[in-house]
Amino acid sequence: MVNIMVRQNGKYYGPKVNNMDIDFEIVEHIGIITPASRYHPWNKEINVVSWNGGEAKIDIREWNNDHTRMKKGLTLKKEEFFNLLEVGREYVNNAENTDTEE
């Protein structure tokens, strides 16, 4: 488990829970959606994360390179993640069909 501070140097870096520390464990790294760059030093990642000792869930959010700071993100159960993938797949297929008809 990694223990992080919610606020550092007066800046907000993660979800606030009554001014307490938040425990998290990245159980599995799935992949990087958008890599960090010179002008934006955060990776947008998909990971399996356990928050505060809870059940590990699929998590989409931006992290700094050493995973000590994060921004707000989206946490999904496995079934919700599969539904998201299906909705995305349908959207892409419909967009491709629309482009072909023009």
PDB file of N, CA and C in Angstrom:
ATOM      1  N   MET A   1       0.830  -1.186   0.000  1.00  0.00           N
ATOM      2  CA  MET A   1       0.000   0.000   0.000  1.00  0.00           C
ATOM      3  C   MET A   1       0.870   1.244   0.000  1.00  0.00           C
ATOM      4  N   VAL A   2       0.455   2.229  -0.748  1.00  0.00           N
ATOM      5  CA  VAL A   2       1.134   3.513  -0.778  1.00  0.00           C
ATOM      6  C   VAL A   2       0.243   4.510  -0.064  1.00  0.00           C
ATOM      7  N   ASN A   3       0.804   5.299   0.829  1.00  0.00           N
ATOM      8  CA  ASN A   3       0.050   6.295   1.561  1.00  0.00           C
ATOM      9  C   ASN A   3       0.410   7.658   1.002  1.00  0.00           C
ATOM     10  N   ILE A   4      -0.582   8.401   0.533  1.00  0.00           N
ATOM     11  CA  ILE A   4      -0.300   9.706  -0.057  1.00  0.00           C
ATOM     12  C   ILE A   4      -1.025  10.807   0.699  1.00  0.00           C
ATOM     13  N   MET A   5      -0.501  12.007   0.600  1.00  0.00           N
ATOM     14  CA  MET A   5      -1.167  13.178   1.161  1.00  0.00           C
ATOM     15  C   MET A   5      -2.104  13.743   0.110  1.00  0.00           C
ATOM     16  N   VAL A   6      -3.271  14.163   0.538  1.00  0.00           N
ATOM     17  CA  VAL A   6      -4.229  14.744  -0.387  1.00  0.00           C
ATOM     18  C   VAL A   6      -3.745  16.106  -0.874  1.00  0.00           C
ATOM     19  N   ARG A   7      -3.149  16.901   0.016  1.00  0.00           N
ATOM     20  CA  ARG A   7      -2.660  18.219  -0.374  1.00  0.00           C
ATOM     21  C   ARG A   7      -1.153  18.295  -0.144  1.00  0.00           C
ATOM     22  N   GLN A   8      -0.468  18.862  -1.111  1.00  0.00           N
ATOM     23  CA  GLN A   8       0.964  19.097  -0.974  1.00  0.00           C
ATOM     24  C   GLN A   8       1.256  20.482  -1.517  1.00  0.00           C
ATOM     25  N   ASN A   9       1.967  21.279  -0.728  1.00  0.00           N
ATOM     26  CA  ASN A   9       2.311  22.647  -1.129  1.00  0.00           C
ATOM     27  C   ASN A   9       1.078  23.464  -1.500  1.00  0.00           C
ATOM     28  N   GLY A  10      -0.025  23.206  -0.816  1.00  0.00           N
ATOM     29  CA  GLY A  10      -1.241  23.966  -1.053  1.00  0.00           C
ATOM     30  C   GLY A  10      -1.969  23.615  -2.328  1.00  0.00           C
ATOM     31  N   LYS A  11      -1.518  22.599  -3.061  1.00  0.00           N
ATOM     32  CA  LYS A  11      -2.168  22.207  -4.311  1.00  0.00           C
ATOM     33  C   LYS A  11      -2.936  20.915  -4.112  1.00  0.00           C
ATOM     34  N   TYR A  12      -4.024  20.769  -4.832  1.00  0.00           N
ATOM     35  CA  TYR A  12      -4.889  19.604  -4.741  1.00  0.00           C
ATOM     36  C   TYR A  12      -4.430  18.547  -5.741  1.00  0.00           C
ATOM     37  N   TYR A  13      -4.175  17.325  -5.267  1.00  0.00           N
ATOM     38  CA  TYR A  13      -3.667  16.272  -6.150  1.00  0.00           C
ATOM     39  C   TYR A  13      -4.505  15.011  -6.170  1.00  0.00           C
ATOM     40  N   GLY A  14      -5.543  14.929  -5.415  1.00  0.00           N
ATOM     41  CA  GLY A  14      -6.326  13.703  -5.423  1.00  0.00           C
ATOM     42  C   GLY A  14      -7.628  13.896  -4.688  1.00  0.00           C
ATOM     43  N   PRO A  15      -8.435  12.854  -4.598  1.00  0.00           N
ATOM     44  CA  PRO A  15      -9.720  12.970  -3.923  1.00  0.00           C
ATOM     45  C   PRO A  15      -9.539  13.327  -2.456  1.00  0.00           C
ATOM     46  N   LYS A  16     -10.387  14.205  -1.969  1.00  0.00           N
ATOM     47  CA  LYS A  16     -10.301  14.655  -0.581  1.00  0.00           C
ATOM     48  C   LYS A  16     -11.265  13.835   0.273  1.00  0.00           C
ATOM     49  N   VAL A  17     -10.758  13.270   1.342  1.00  0.00           N
ATOM     50  CA  VAL A  17     -11.584  12.487   2.258  1.00  0.00           C
ATOM     51  C   VAL A  17     -11.353  13.032   3.658  1.00  0.00           C
ATOM     52  N   ASN A  18     -12.129  14.026   4.046  1.00  0.00           N
ATOM     53  CA  ASN A  18     -12.036  14.620   5.383  1.00  0.00           C
ATOM     54  C   ASN A  18     -10.601  14.957   5.785  1.00  0.00           C
ATOM     55  N   ASN A  19      -9.827  15.517   4.875  1.00  0.00           N
ATOM     56  CA  ASN A  19      -8.435  15.911   5.146  1.00  0.00           C
ATOM     57  C   ASN A  19      -7.559  14.760   5.628  1.00  0.00           C
ATOM     58  N   MET A  20      -7.909  13.529   5.305  1.00  0.00           N
ATOM     59  CA  MET A  20      -7.128  12.364   5.724  1.00  0.00           C
ATOM     60  C   MET A  20      -6.289  11.855   4.562  1.00  0.00           C
ATOM     61  N   ASP A  21      -5.327  11.020   4.889  1.00  0.00           N
ATOM     62  CA  ASP A  21      -4.540  10.359   3.852  1.00  0.00           C
ATOM     63  C   ASP A  21      -5.404   9.317   3.151  1.00  0.00           C
ATOM     64  N   ILE A  22      -5.048   9.022   1.921  1.00  0.00           N
ATOM     65  CA  ILE A  22      -5.753   8.010   1.144  1.00  0.00           C
ATOM     66  C   ILE A  22      -4.771   6.890   0.853  1.00  0.00           C
ATOM     67  N   ASP A  23      -5.169   5.658   1.141  1.00  0.00           N
ATOM     68  CA  ASP A  23      -4.337   4.499   0.825  1.00  0.00           C
ATOM     69  C   ASP A  23      -4.775   3.939  -0.516  1.00  0.00           C
ATOM     70  N   PHE A  24      -3.805   3.598  -1.342  1.00  0.00           N
ATOM     71  CA  PHE A  24      -4.140   2.938  -2.595  1.00  0.00           C
ATOM     72  C   PHE A  24      -3.034   1.969  -2.951  1.00  0.00           C
ATOM     73  N   GLU A  25      -3.412   0.978  -3.732  1.00  0.00           N
ATOM     74  CA  GLU A  25      -2.449   0.018  -4.261  1.00  0.00           C
ATOM     75  C   GLU A  25      -2.781  -0.211  -5.724  1.00  0.00           C
ATOM     76  N   ILE A  26      -1.812   0.038  -6.597  1.00  0.00           N
ATOM     77  CA  ILE A  26      -2.004  -0.281  -8.010  1.00  0.00           C
ATOM     78  C   ILE A  26      -1.716  -1.771  -8.142  1.00  0.00           C
ATOM     79  N   VAL A  27      -2.777  -2.548  -8.286  1.00  0.00           N
ATOM     80  CA  VAL A  27      -2.680  -4.000  -8.336  1.00  0.00           C
ATOM     81  C   VAL A  27      -2.142  -4.457  -9.691  1.00  0.00           C
ATOM     82  N   GLU A  28      -2.579  -3.768 -10.751  1.00  0.00           N
ATOM     83  CA  GLU A  28      -2.140  -4.130 -12.106  1.00  0.00           C
ATOM     84  C   GLU A  28      -2.168  -2.893 -12.988  1.00  0.00           C
ATOM     85  N   HIS A  29      -1.118  -2.696 -13.755  1.00  0.00           N
ATOM     86  CA  HIS A  29      -1.067  -1.607 -14.730  1.00  0.00           C
ATOM     87  C   HIS A  29      -1.560  -2.168 -16.056  1.00  0.00           C
ATOM     88  N   ILE A  30      -2.639  -1.600 -16.588  1.00  0.00           N
ATOM     89  CA  ILE A  30      -3.195  -2.081 -17.855  1.00  0.00           C
ATOM     90  C   ILE A  30      -2.545  -1.357 -19.032  1.00  0.00           C
ATOM     91  N   GLY A  31      -2.443  -0.026 -18.945  1.00  0.00           N
ATOM     92  CA  GLY A  31      -1.813   0.691 -20.046  1.00  0.00           C
ATOM     93  C   GLY A  31      -1.914   2.194 -19.905  1.00  0.00           C
ATOM     94  N   ILE A  32      -1.205   2.892 -20.786  1.00  0.00           N
ATOM     95  CA  ILE A  32      -1.214   4.354 -20.819  1.00  0.00           C
ATOM     96  C   ILE A  32      -2.049   4.798 -22.012  1.00  0.00           C
ATOM     97  N   ILE A  33      -3.041   5.646 -21.745  1.00  0.00           N
ATOM     98  CA  ILE A  33      -3.896   6.184 -22.804  1.00  0.00           C
ATOM     99  C   ILE A  33      -3.192   7.358 -23.477  1.00  0.00           C
ATOM    100  N   THR A  34      -2.685   8.287 -22.665  1.00  0.00           N
ATOM    101  CA  THR A  34      -1.960   9.452 -23.160  1.00  0.00           C
ATOM    102  C   THR A  34      -0.679   9.599 -22.349  1.00  0.00           C
ATOM    103  N   PRO A  35       0.480   9.495 -22.984  1.00  0.00           N
ATOM    104  CA  PRO A  35       1.738   9.616 -22.232  1.00  0.00           C
ATOM    105  C   PRO A  35       2.024  11.062 -21.832  1.00  0.00           C
ATOM    106  N   ALA A  36       2.814  11.200 -20.792  1.00  0.00           N
ATOM    107  CA  ALA A  36       3.257  12.524 -20.350  1.00  0.00           C
ATOM    108  C   ALA A  36       4.100  13.160 -21.449  1.00  0.00           C
ATOM    109  N   SER A  37       4.117  14.482 -21.443  1.00  0.00           N
ATOM    110  CA  SER A  37       4.935  15.204 -22.413  1.00  0.00           C
ATOM    111  C   SER A  37       5.696  16.312 -21.687  1.00  0.00           C
ATOM    112  N   ARG A  38       6.476  17.006 -22.436  1.00  0.00           N
ATOM    113  CA  ARG A  38       7.245  18.110 -21.856  1.00  0.00           C
ATOM    114  C   ARG A  38       6.319  19.155 -21.236  1.00  0.00           C
ATOM    115  N   TYR A  39       5.167  19.367 -21.852  1.00  0.00           N
ATOM    116  CA  TYR A  39       4.254  20.416 -21.409  1.00  0.00           C
ATOM    117  C   TYR A  39       3.140  19.905 -20.501  1.00  0.00           C
ATOM    118  N   HIS A  40       2.973  18.615 -20.417  1.00  0.00           N
ATOM    119  CA  HIS A  40       1.938  18.023 -19.559  1.00  0.00           C
ATOM    120  C   HIS A  40       2.536  16.772 -18.910  1.00  0.00           C
ATOM    121  N   PRO A  41       3.098  16.908 -17.703  1.00  0.00           N
ATOM    122  CA  PRO A  41       3.868  15.811 -17.092  1.00  0.00           C
ATOM    123  C   PRO A  41       3.026  14.737 -16.403  1.00  0.00           C
ATOM    124  N   TRP A  42       1.846  14.461 -16.913  1.00  0.00           N
ATOM    125  CA  TRP A  42       0.965  13.453 -16.325  1.00  0.00           C
ATOM    126  C   TRP A  42       0.646  12.395 -17.379  1.00  0.00           C
ATOM    127  N   ASN A  43       0.663  11.126 -16.969  1.00  0.00           N
ATOM    128  CA  ASN A  43       0.225  10.027 -17.832  1.00  0.00           C
ATOM    129  C   ASN A  43      -1.239   9.750 -17.551  1.00  0.00           C
ATOM    130  N   LYS A  44      -2.060   9.676 -18.586  1.00  0.00           N
ATOM    131  CA  LYS A  44      -3.442   9.219 -18.410  1.00  0.00           C
ATOM    132  C   LYS A  44      -3.396   7.702 -18.551  1.00  0.00           C
ATOM    133  N   GLU A  45      -3.757   6.990 -17.485  1.00  0.00           N
ATOM    134  CA  GLU A  45      -3.547   5.547 -17.420  1.00  0.00           C
ATOM    135  C   GLU A  45      -4.826   4.788 -17.090  1.00  0.00           C
ATOM    136  N   ILE A  46      -4.798   3.509 -17.447  1.00  0.00           N
ATOM    137  CA  ILE A  46      -5.805   2.558 -16.982  1.00  0.00           C
ATOM    138  C   ILE A  46      -5.073   1.561 -16.095  1.00  0.00           C
ATOM    139  N   ASN A  47      -5.532   1.445 -14.853  1.00  0.00           N
ATOM    140  CA  ASN A  47      -4.933   0.534 -13.879  1.00  0.00           C
ATOM    141  C   ASN A  47      -6.031  -0.198 -13.122  1.00  0.00           C
ATOM    142  N   VAL A  48      -5.668  -1.259 -12.454  1.00  0.00           N
ATOM    143  CA  VAL A  48      -6.547  -1.898 -11.477  1.00  0.00           C
ATOM    144  C   VAL A  48      -6.035  -1.428 -10.123  1.00  0.00           C
ATOM    145  N   VAL A  49      -6.902  -0.716  -9.366  1.00  0.00           N
ATOM    146  CA  VAL A  49      -6.477  -0.061  -8.128  1.00  0.00           C
ATOM    147  C   VAL A  49      -7.404  -0.441  -6.982  1.00  0.00           C
ATOM    148  N   SER A  50      -6.805  -0.687  -5.830  1.00  0.00           N
ATOM    149  CA  SER A  50      -7.553  -0.871  -4.587  1.00  0.00           C
ATOM    150  C   SER A  50      -7.420   0.417  -3.785  1.00  0.00           C
ATOM    151  N   TRP A  51      -8.552   1.048  -3.470  1.00  0.00           N
ATOM    152  CA  TRP A  51      -8.563   2.294  -2.704  1.00  0.00           C
ATOM    153  C   TRP A  51      -8.946   2.001  -1.261  1.00  0.00           C
ATOM    154  N   ASN A  52      -8.136   2.456  -0.319  1.00  0.00           N
ATOM    155  CA  ASN A  52      -8.410   2.312   1.117  1.00  0.00           C
ATOM    156  C   ASN A  52      -8.716   0.872   1.505  1.00  0.00           C
ATOM    157  N   GLY A  53      -8.004  -0.074   0.920  1.00  0.00           N
ATOM    158  CA  GLY A  53      -8.156  -1.480   1.262  1.00  0.00           C
ATOM    159  C   GLY A  53      -9.388  -2.144   0.684  1.00  0.00           C
ATOM    160  N   GLY A  54     -10.119  -1.445  -0.169  1.00  0.00           N
ATOM    161  CA  GLY A  54     -11.340  -1.992  -0.757  1.00  0.00           C
ATOM    162  C   GLY A  54     -11.052  -2.909  -1.935  1.00  0.00           C
ATOM    163  N   GLU A  55     -12.127  -3.386  -2.523  1.00  0.00           N
ATOM    164  CA  GLU A  55     -12.034  -4.259  -3.695  1.00  0.00           C
ATOM    165  C   GLU A  55     -11.339  -3.511  -4.837  1.00  0.00           C
ATOM    166  N   ALA A  56     -10.422  -4.174  -5.509  1.00  0.00           N
ATOM    167  CA  ALA A  56      -9.711  -3.561  -6.632  1.00  0.00           C
ATOM    168  C   ALA A  56     -10.677  -3.358  -7.794  1.00  0.00           C
ATOM    169  N   LYS A  57     -10.597  -2.169  -8.408  1.00  0.00           N
ATOM    170  CA  LYS A  57     -11.467  -1.822  -9.528  1.00  0.00           C
ATOM    171  C   LYS A  57     -10.631  -1.198 -10.638  1.00  0.00           C
ATOM    172  N   ILE A  58     -11.208  -1.143 -11.817  1.00  0.00           N
ATOM    173  CA  ILE A  58     -10.531  -0.535 -12.956  1.00  0.00           C
ATOM    174  C   ILE A  58     -10.602   0.977 -12.792  1.00  0.00           C
ATOM    175  N   ASP A  59      -9.477   1.635 -12.976  1.00  0.00           N
ATOM    176  CA  ASP A  59      -9.351   3.048 -12.657  1.00  0.00           C
ATOM    177  C   ASP A  59      -8.718   3.784 -13.830  1.00  0.00           C
ATOM    178  N   ILE A  60      -9.359   4.865 -14.268  1.00  0.00           N
ATOM    179  CA  ILE A  60      -8.843   5.692 -15.357  1.00  0.00           C
ATOM    180  C   ILE A  60      -8.586   7.077 -14.781  1.00  0.00           C
ATOM    181  N   ARG A  61      -7.325   7.505 -14.771  1.00  0.00           N
ATOM    182  CA  ARG A  61      -6.979   8.829 -14.243  1.00  0.00           C
ATOM    183  C   ARG A  61      -5.560   9.196 -14.651  1.00  0.00           C
ATOM    184  N   GLU A  62      -5.203  10.444 -14.395  1.00  0.00           N
ATOM    185  CA  GLU A  62      -3.845  10.913 -14.664  1.00  0.00           C
ATOM    186  C   GLU A  62      -2.988  10.741 -13.416  1.00  0.00           C
ATOM    187  N   TRP A  63      -1.762  10.250 -13.644  1.00  0.00           N
ATOM    188  CA  TRP A  63      -0.783  10.021 -12.574  1.00  0.00           C
ATOM    189  C   TRP A  63       0.524  10.700 -12.940  1.00  0.00           C
ATOM    190  N   ASN A  64       1.282  11.110 -11.911  1.00  0.00           N
ATOM    191  CA  ASN A  64       2.644  11.548 -12.193  1.00  0.00           C
ATOM    192  C   ASN A  64       3.492  10.294 -12.431  1.00  0.00           C
ATOM    193  N   ASN A  65       4.736  10.477 -12.862  1.00  0.00           N
ATOM    194  CA  ASN A  65       5.551   9.325 -13.279  1.00  0.00           C
ATOM    195  C   ASN A  65       5.831   8.315 -12.179  1.00  0.00           C
ATOM    196  N   ASP A  66       5.960   8.757 -10.926  1.00  0.00           N
ATOM    197  CA  ASP A  66       6.262   7.793  -9.859  1.00  0.00           C
ATOM    198  C   ASP A  66       5.022   7.373  -9.060  1.00  0.00           C
ATOM    199  N   HIS A  67       3.853   7.719  -9.565  1.00  0.00           N
ATOM    200  CA  HIS A  67       2.575   7.307  -8.966  1.00  0.00           C
ATOM    201  C   HIS A  67       2.413   7.741  -7.510  1.00  0.00           C
ATOM    202  N   THR A  68       2.943   8.914  -7.167  1.00  0.00           N
ATOM    203  CA  THR A  68       2.729   9.457  -5.826  1.00  0.00           C
ATOM    204  C   THR A  68       1.655  10.535  -5.819  1.00  0.00           C
ATOM    205  N   ARG A  69       1.291  11.018  -7.001  1.00  0.00           N
ATOM    206  CA  ARG A  69       0.242  12.033  -7.125  1.00  0.00           C
ATOM    207  C   ARG A  69      -0.691  11.643  -8.257  1.00  0.00           C
ATOM    208  N   MET A  70      -1.969  11.973  -8.065  1.00  0.00           N
ATOM    209  CA  MET A  70      -2.944  11.676  -9.101  1.00  0.00           C
ATOM    210  C   MET A  70      -3.953  12.799  -9.181  1.00  0.00           C
ATOM    211  N   LYS A  71      -4.672  12.833 -10.287  1.00  0.00           N
ATOM    212  CA  LYS A  71      -5.766  13.782 -10.459  1.00  0.00           C
ATOM    213  C   LYS A  71      -7.079  13.021 -10.331  1.00  0.00           C
ATOM    214  N   LYS A  72      -8.181  13.751 -10.415  1.00  0.00           N
ATOM    215  CA  LYS A  72      -9.490  13.105 -10.350  1.00  0.00           C
ATOM    216  C   LYS A  72      -9.600  12.104 -11.487  1.00  0.00           C
ATOM    217  N   GLY A  73     -10.333  11.041 -11.238  1.00  0.00           N
ATOM    218  CA  GLY A  73     -10.455  10.018 -12.255  1.00  0.00           C
ATOM    219  C   GLY A  73     -11.792   9.316 -12.190  1.00  0.00           C
ATOM    220  N   LEU A  74     -11.853   8.198 -12.844  1.00  0.00           N
ATOM    221  CA  LEU A  74     -13.064   7.398 -12.945  1.00  0.00           C
ATOM    222  C   LEU A  74     -12.735   5.975 -12.530  1.00  0.00           C
ATOM    223  N   THR A  75     -13.507   5.440 -11.589  1.00  0.00           N
ATOM    224  CA  THR A  75     -13.308   4.075 -11.117  1.00  0.00           C
ATOM    225  C   THR A  75     -14.511   3.246 -11.534  1.00  0.00           C
ATOM    226  N   LEU A  76     -14.261   2.099 -12.145  1.00  0.00           N
ATOM    227  CA  LEU A  76     -15.328   1.257 -12.675  1.00  0.00           C
ATOM    228  C   LEU A  76     -15.185  -0.180 -12.198  1.00  0.00           C
ATOM    229  N   LYS A  77     -16.332  -0.818 -11.952  1.00  0.00           N
ATOM    230  CA  LYS A  77     -16.324  -2.261 -11.725  1.00  0.00           C
ATOM    231  C   LYS A  77     -16.040  -2.919 -13.072  1.00  0.00           C
ATOM    232  N   LYS A  78     -15.619  -4.177 -13.043  1.00  0.00           N
ATOM    233  CA  LYS A  78     -15.258  -4.870 -14.283  1.00  0.00           C
ATOM    234  C   LYS A  78     -16.419  -4.858 -15.284  1.00  0.00           C
ATOM    235  N   GLU A  79     -17.636  -5.109 -14.812  1.00  0.00           N
ATOM    236  CA  GLU A  79     -18.805  -5.124 -15.700  1.00  0.00           C
ATOM    237  C   GLU A  79     -19.033  -3.747 -16.331  1.00  0.00           C
ATOM    238  N   GLU A  80     -18.858  -2.682 -15.554  1.00  0.00           N
ATOM    239  CA  GLU A  80     -19.014  -1.326 -16.085  1.00  0.00           C
ATOM    240  C   GLU A  80     -17.949  -1.031 -17.141  1.00  0.00           C
ATOM    241  N   PHE A  81     -16.733  -1.508 -16.910  1.00  0.00           N
ATOM    242  CA  PHE A  81     -15.654  -1.309 -17.873  1.00  0.00           C
ATOM    243  C   PHE A  81     -15.969  -2.023 -19.186  1.00  0.00           C
ATOM    244  N   PHE A  82     -16.476  -3.262 -19.103  1.00  0.00           N
ATOM    245  CA  PHE A  82     -16.846  -3.991 -20.316  1.00  0.00           C
ATOM    246  C   PHE A  82     -17.974  -3.271 -21.054  1.00  0.00           C
ATOM    247  N   ASN A  83     -18.940  -2.713 -20.301  1.00  0.00           N
ATOM    248  CA  ASN A  83     -20.011  -1.942 -20.934  1.00  0.00           C
ATOM    249  C   ASN A  83     -19.451  -0.707 -21.634  1.00  0.00           C
ATOM    250  N   LEU A  84     -18.490  -0.036 -21.001  1.00  0.00           N
ATOM    251  CA  LEU A  84     -17.839   1.127 -21.606  1.00  0.00           C
ATOM    252  C   LEU A  84     -17.159   0.738 -22.916  1.00  0.00           C
ATOM    253  N   LEU A  85     -16.454  -0.379 -22.911  1.00  0.00           N
ATOM    254  CA  LEU A  85     -15.796  -0.848 -24.133  1.00  0.00           C
ATOM    255  C   LEU A  85     -16.813  -1.123 -25.237  1.00  0.00           C
ATOM    256  N   GLU A  86     -17.932  -1.739 -24.887  1.00  0.00           N
ATOM    257  CA  GLU A  86     -18.967  -2.057 -25.875  1.00  0.00           C
ATOM    258  C   GLU A  86     -19.584  -0.778 -26.445  1.00  0.00           C
ATOM    259  N   VAL A  87     -19.898   0.180 -25.588  1.00  0.00           N
ATOM    260  CA  VAL A  87     -20.450   1.455 -26.051  1.00  0.00           C
ATOM    261  C   VAL A  87     -19.443   2.160 -26.963  1.00  0.00           C
ATOM    262  N   GLY A  88     -18.176   2.147 -26.595  1.00  0.00           N
ATOM    263  CA  GLY A  88     -17.137   2.749 -27.423  1.00  0.00           C
ATOM    264  C   GLY A  88     -17.016   2.068 -28.775  1.00  0.00           C
ATOM    265  N   ARG A  89     -17.080   0.739 -28.763  1.00  0.00           N
ATOM    266  CA  ARG A  89     -17.007  -0.034 -30.001  1.00  0.00           C
ATOM    267  C   ARG A  89     -18.176   0.324 -30.924  1.00  0.00           C
ATOM    268  N   GLU A  90     -19.388   0.414 -30.363  1.00  0.00           N
ATOM    269  CA  GLU A  90     -20.569   0.779 -31.153  1.00  0.00           C
ATOM    270  C   GLU A  90     -20.414   2.184 -31.734  1.00  0.00           C
ATOM    271  N   TYR A  91     -19.898   3.100 -30.931  1.00  0.00           N
ATOM    272  CA  TYR A  91     -19.702   4.473 -31.392  1.00  0.00           C
ATOM    273  C   TYR A  91     -18.735   4.517 -32.576  1.00  0.00           C
ATOM    274  N   VAL A  92     -17.627   3.818 -32.460  1.00  0.00           N
ATOM    275  CA  VAL A  92     -16.631   3.800 -33.533  1.00  0.00           C
ATOM    276  C   VAL A  92     -17.220   3.167 -34.789  1.00  0.00           C
ATOM    277  N   ASN A  93     -17.939   2.057 -34.647  1.00  0.00           N
ATOM    278  CA  ASN A  93     -18.550   1.402 -35.809  1.00  0.00           C
ATOM    279  C   ASN A  93     -19.550   2.321 -36.496  1.00  0.00           C
ATOM    280  N   ASN A  94     -20.382   3.024 -35.721  1.00  0.00           N
ATOM    281  CA  ASN A  94     -21.355   3.948 -36.304  1.00  0.00           C
ATOM    282  C   ASN A  94     -20.657   5.117 -36.984  1.00  0.00           C
ATOM    283  N   ALA A  95     -19.595   5.624 -36.394  1.00  0.00           N
ATOM    284  CA  ALA A  95     -18.852   6.735 -36.989  1.00  0.00           C
ATOM    285  C   ALA A  95     -18.210   6.299 -38.300  1.00  0.00           C
ATOM    286  N   GLU A  96     -17.673   5.077 -38.347  1.00  0.00           N
ATOM    287  CA  GLU A  96     -17.064   4.570 -39.583  1.00  0.00           C
ATOM    288  C   GLU A  96     -18.116   4.411 -40.668  1.00  0.00           C
ATOM    289  N   ASN A  97     -19.303   3.918 -40.312  1.00  0.00           N
ATOM    290  CA  ASN A  97     -20.378   3.755 -41.295  1.00  0.00           C
ATOM    291  C   ASN A  97     -20.860   5.103 -41.810  1.00  0.00           C
ATOM    292  N   THR A  98     -20.932   6.100 -40.953  1.00  0.00           N
ATOM    293  CA  THR A  98     -21.351   7.439 -41.357  1.00  0.00           C
ATOM    294  C   THR A  98     -20.324   8.048 -42.300  1.00  0.00           C
ATOM    295  N   ASP A  99     -19.047   7.863 -42.018  1.00  0.00           N
ATOM    296  CA  ASP A  99     -17.987   8.396 -42.879  1.00  0.00           C
ATOM    297  C   ASP A  99     -18.008   7.739 -44.252  1.00  0.00           C
ATOM    298  N   THR A 100     -18.348   6.456 -44.309  1.00  0.00           N
ATOM    299  CA  THR A 100     -18.367   5.716 -45.565  1.00  0.00           C
ATOM    300  C   THR A 100     -19.514   6.174 -46.455  1.00  0.00           C
ATOM    301  N   GLU A 101     -20.648   6.539 -45.849  1.00  0.00           N
ATOM    302  CA  GLU A 101     -21.828   6.929 -46.616  1.00  0.00           C
ATOM    303  C   GLU A 101     -21.677   8.295 -47.265  1.00  0.00           C
ATOM    304  N   GLU A 102     -20.817   9.139 -46.751  1.00  0.00           N
ATOM    305  CA  GLU A 102     -20.694  10.503 -47.280  1.00  0.00           C
ATOM    306  C   GLU A 102     -19.960  10.566 -48.562  1.00  0.00           C
TER     307      GLU A 102
END
